[in-house]
Protein backbone atom coordinates (compact mmCIF):
# COMPACT_ATOMS: atom_id res chain seq x y z
CA MET A 1 0.00 0.00 0.00
CA LYS A 2 2.81 2.42 0.91
CA LEU A 3 4.63 1.58 -2.33
CA LYS A 4 1.47 2.28 -4.32
CA LYS A 5 1.01 5.68 -2.63
CA PHE A 6 4.69 6.51 -3.14
CA THR A 7 4.51 5.56 -6.83
CA LEU A 8 1.38 7.64 -7.27
CA LEU A 9 2.96 10.62 -5.50
CA LEU A 10 6.16 10.30 -7.53
CA SER A 11 4.16 10.09 -10.76
CA LEU A 12 2.17 13.16 -9.79
CA ILE A 13 5.35 15.11 -8.97
CA LEU A 14 6.97 14.12 -12.27
CA PHE A 15 3.81 15.08 -14.15
CA LEU A 16 3.74 18.48 -12.42
CA ILE A 17 7.41 19.04 -13.23
CA VAL A 18 6.78 18.34 -16.91
CA ILE A 19 3.71 20.63 -16.92
CA ILE A 20 5.62 23.43 -15.17
CA PHE A 21 8.47 23.06 -17.65
CA ALA A 22 6.06 23.17 -20.58
CA LEU A 23 4.23 26.21 -19.21
CA ARG A 24 7.42 28.07 -18.39
CA THR A 25 8.41 28.15 -22.03
CA GLN A 26 4.96 29.42 -22.93
CA PHE A 27 5.41 32.53 -20.79
CA TYR A 28 8.09 33.74 -23.15
CA GLN A 29 7.92 34.32 -26.84
CA VAL A 30 10.73 31.83 -27.33
CA SER A 31 11.85 31.72 -30.92
CA SER A 32 15.16 29.90 -31.19
CA LYS A 33 14.66 29.05 -34.87
CA LYS A 34 14.09 32.59 -36.15
CA LYS A 35 16.62 33.91 -38.61
CA LEU A 36 18.77 36.52 -36.99
CA ILE A 37 19.84 39.57 -38.87
CA VAL A 38 23.44 39.12 -39.98
CA GLN A 39 24.47 42.30 -38.14
CA TYR A 40 23.17 40.88 -34.85
CA LYS A 41 25.08 37.62 -35.35
CA ARG A 42 28.29 39.51 -36.06
CA GLU A 43 27.72 41.65 -32.99
CA LEU A 44 27.10 38.59 -30.80
CA ASP A 45 30.27 36.95 -32.11
CA ALA A 46 32.40 40.03 -31.45
CA ILE A 47 30.96 40.46 -27.95
CA GLY A 48 31.40 36.77 -27.14
CA GLN A 49 35.08 36.94 -28.09
CA ASN A 50 35.61 39.39 -25.21
CA ALA A 51 34.60 36.73 -22.68
CA LEU A 52 37.38 34.43 -23.86
CA LYS A 53 40.03 36.99 -22.88
CA SER A 54 39.28 36.32 -19.20
CA ASN A 55 38.45 32.61 -19.55
CA ASP A 56 34.75 33.33 -19.05
CA MET A 57 32.21 31.22 -20.91
CA PRO A 58 31.82 32.84 -24.35
CA ILE A 59 28.15 33.71 -24.10
CA SER A 60 26.93 37.05 -25.40
CA ALA A 61 23.68 38.98 -25.49
CA ILE A 62 22.27 42.14 -27.02
CA LEU A 63 19.20 44.05 -25.91
CA ILE A 64 17.33 45.53 -28.85
CA TYR A 65 14.75 48.29 -28.76
CA ASN A 66 13.01 49.28 -32.01
CA PHE A 67 15.65 47.37 -34.01
CA GLU A 68 18.49 49.32 -32.36
CA ILE A 69 20.98 47.74 -29.97
CA ILE A 70 20.73 49.57 -26.66
CA GLY A 71 22.68 47.09 -24.50
CA ARG A 72 25.51 44.61 -24.98
CA GLY A 73 26.77 41.99 -22.58
CA TYR A 74 28.99 38.98 -22.25
CA ASN A 75 29.90 36.71 -19.35
CA THR A 76 32.21 38.39 -16.82
CA VAL A 77 31.86 36.00 -13.87
CA VAL A 78 35.56 35.05 -13.85
CA ARG A 79 36.89 38.46 -14.85
CA ASP A 80 34.99 40.39 -12.18
CA SER A 81 34.57 37.60 -9.59
CA GLU A 82 30.89 38.51 -9.77
CA ALA A 83 28.22 35.81 -9.53
CA GLY A 84 25.74 37.95 -11.47
CA GLY A 85 28.12 38.65 -14.36
CA HIS A 86 26.06 36.80 -16.95
CA ALA A 87 25.70 38.05 -20.52
CA ILE A 88 21.98 38.85 -20.31
CA ILE A 89 22.25 40.65 -16.98
CA ASN A 90 25.24 42.61 -18.30
CA ALA A 91 23.28 43.55 -21.46
CA ILE A 92 20.35 44.82 -19.37
CA SER A 93 22.74 46.77 -17.12
CA ASP A 94 24.49 48.24 -20.16
CA ALA A 95 21.15 49.34 -21.62
CA ILE A 96 20.19 51.01 -18.34
CA ARG A 97 23.54 52.85 -18.29
CA ASN A 98 23.09 53.88 -21.93
CA VAL A 99 19.53 55.22 -21.75
CA GLY A 100 19.14 55.88 -18.02
CA LEU A 101 17.02 53.95 -15.53
CA GLU A 102 13.97 56.19 -15.73
CA THR A 103 13.94 56.13 -19.55
CA PHE A 104 14.52 52.36 -19.55
CA ASP A 105 11.55 51.83 -17.24
CA TYR A 106 9.26 53.65 -19.69
CA LEU A 107 10.43 51.91 -22.89
CA SER A 108 7.68 49.80 -24.46
CA ARG A 109 8.42 46.15 -23.81
CA ASP A 110 6.53 45.28 -27.02
CA SER A 111 9.42 46.84 -28.97
CA MET A 112 12.16 45.22 -26.89
CA LYS A 113 13.86 41.85 -27.19
CA ILE A 114 16.95 40.11 -25.95
CA VAL A 115 19.03 38.10 -28.40
CA THR A 116 21.63 35.75 -26.94
CA THR A 117 23.93 32.99 -28.06
CA TYR A 118 22.73 30.56 -25.35
CA GLU A 119 19.31 30.00 -23.80
CA PRO A 120 18.93 31.98 -20.56
CA CYS A 121 19.73 30.32 -17.24
CA GLU A 122 17.40 30.59 -14.25
CA MET A 123 19.12 33.72 -12.92
CA CYS A 124 18.95 35.48 -16.28
CA LYS A 125 15.31 34.42 -16.68
CA GLY A 126 14.68 36.05 -13.32
CA ALA A 127 16.21 39.30 -14.58
CA LEU A 128 14.17 39.12 -17.78
CA ILE A 129 11.00 38.61 -15.76
CA GLU A 130 11.90 41.41 -13.33
CA TYR A 131 12.47 43.87 -16.18
CA LYS A 132 9.46 42.55 -18.14
CA ILE A 133 11.47 41.60 -21.22
CA ASN A 134 9.24 38.93 -22.77
CA THR A 135 10.73 38.42 -26.21
CA ILE A 136 13.78 36.18 -26.04
CA GLU A 137 15.68 34.78 -29.00
CA PHE A 138 18.63 32.43 -28.64
CA LEU A 139 20.94 30.48 -30.89
CA LYS A 140 21.64 27.39 -28.80
CA PRO A 141 19.11 25.84 -26.42
CA LYS A 142 19.99 24.27 -23.08
CA PRO A 143 19.48 20.50 -22.91
CA LEU A 144 16.25 19.12 -21.45
CA THR A 145 18.23 17.59 -18.58
CA TYR A 146 19.23 21.11 -17.47
CA TRP A 147 15.59 22.18 -17.20
CA LEU A 148 14.50 18.98 -15.46
CA GLU A 149 17.26 19.44 -12.88
CA LYS A 150 16.19 23.07 -12.38
CA GLN A 151 12.58 22.01 -11.86
CA TYR A 152 13.73 19.49 -9.26
CA ASN A 153 15.83 22.19 -7.55
CA ASP A 154 12.88 24.63 -7.64
CA LEU A 155 10.72 22.04 -5.93
CA GLY A 156 13.40 21.53 -3.26
CA TYR A 157 13.63 25.29 -2.78
CA GLU A 158 9.88 25.63 -2.27
CA PHE A 159 9.89 22.87 0.35
CA SER A 160 12.99 24.13 2.20
CA LYS A 161 12.32 27.87 2.48
CA LYS A 162 10.85 29.23 5.68
CA LYS A 163 9.63 32.63 6.77
CA LEU A 164 11.21 33.98 9.92
CA GLU A 165 9.66 36.24 12.54
CA GLY A 166 10.36 39.95 12.21
CA SER A 167 8.99 41.13 8.86
CA GLU A 168 8.61 44.56 10.45
CA LEU A 169 12.37 45.04 10.01
CA GLN A 170 11.98 44.97 6.23
CA ASP A 171 8.90 47.18 6.47
CA SER A 172 10.86 49.79 8.44
CA LEU A 173 13.69 49.66 5.88
CA PHE A 174 11.21 50.14 3.04
CA ARG A 175 9.72 53.18 4.78
CA LEU A 176 13.17 54.80 5.02
CA HIS A 177 13.37 54.99 1.23
CA PRO A 178 12.50 58.53 0.07
CA PHE A 179 10.17 57.33 -2.68
CA TYR A 180 8.69 54.37 -0.81
CA MET A 181 5.03 55.27 -1.34
CA GLU A 182 5.56 56.04 -5.03
CA ILE A 183 7.52 52.96 -6.04
CA MET A 184 6.34 50.38 -3.51
CA PRO A 185 2.69 51.07 -2.66
CA ASP A 186 1.90 47.33 -2.42
CA TYR A 187 4.60 46.52 0.11
């Protein structure tokens, strides 16, 4: 009886993982097979070469707004000893530096897309979600095993996280921000 329940539970978990994986790709306009403009490919190649100089993984990304490149990035994890130094995050940061944060926030996301040489990792997907960049194009996809492992890790994360007492500390920190009511009314 216990084995039957365990098998049923395991089957249900695996089914949910597959469904979550399938739905996750639907949230993005993923178009890995689209033809890239030759200029973009050349740009990605040139940017990716920079990563090799510091033994970083040669992954590159460009952020495009209205068919104009507004941000460029390549992996700088090794070079800068920075965990967040991924190509996509660096491209978003470069775009913000180039156009300014306030201007970037008001750019229409319908006219914006990220083009990268490698499918975004979980951290880069988080940045894309946070900045509401929904159109993602990539040259090389990650293997299915990568995504299955990430789904398993996500499940483990959800079961292992716990809320601690003292949320008023964060509330008091939020209230210290000069624009708290304007930018965080829901907190």
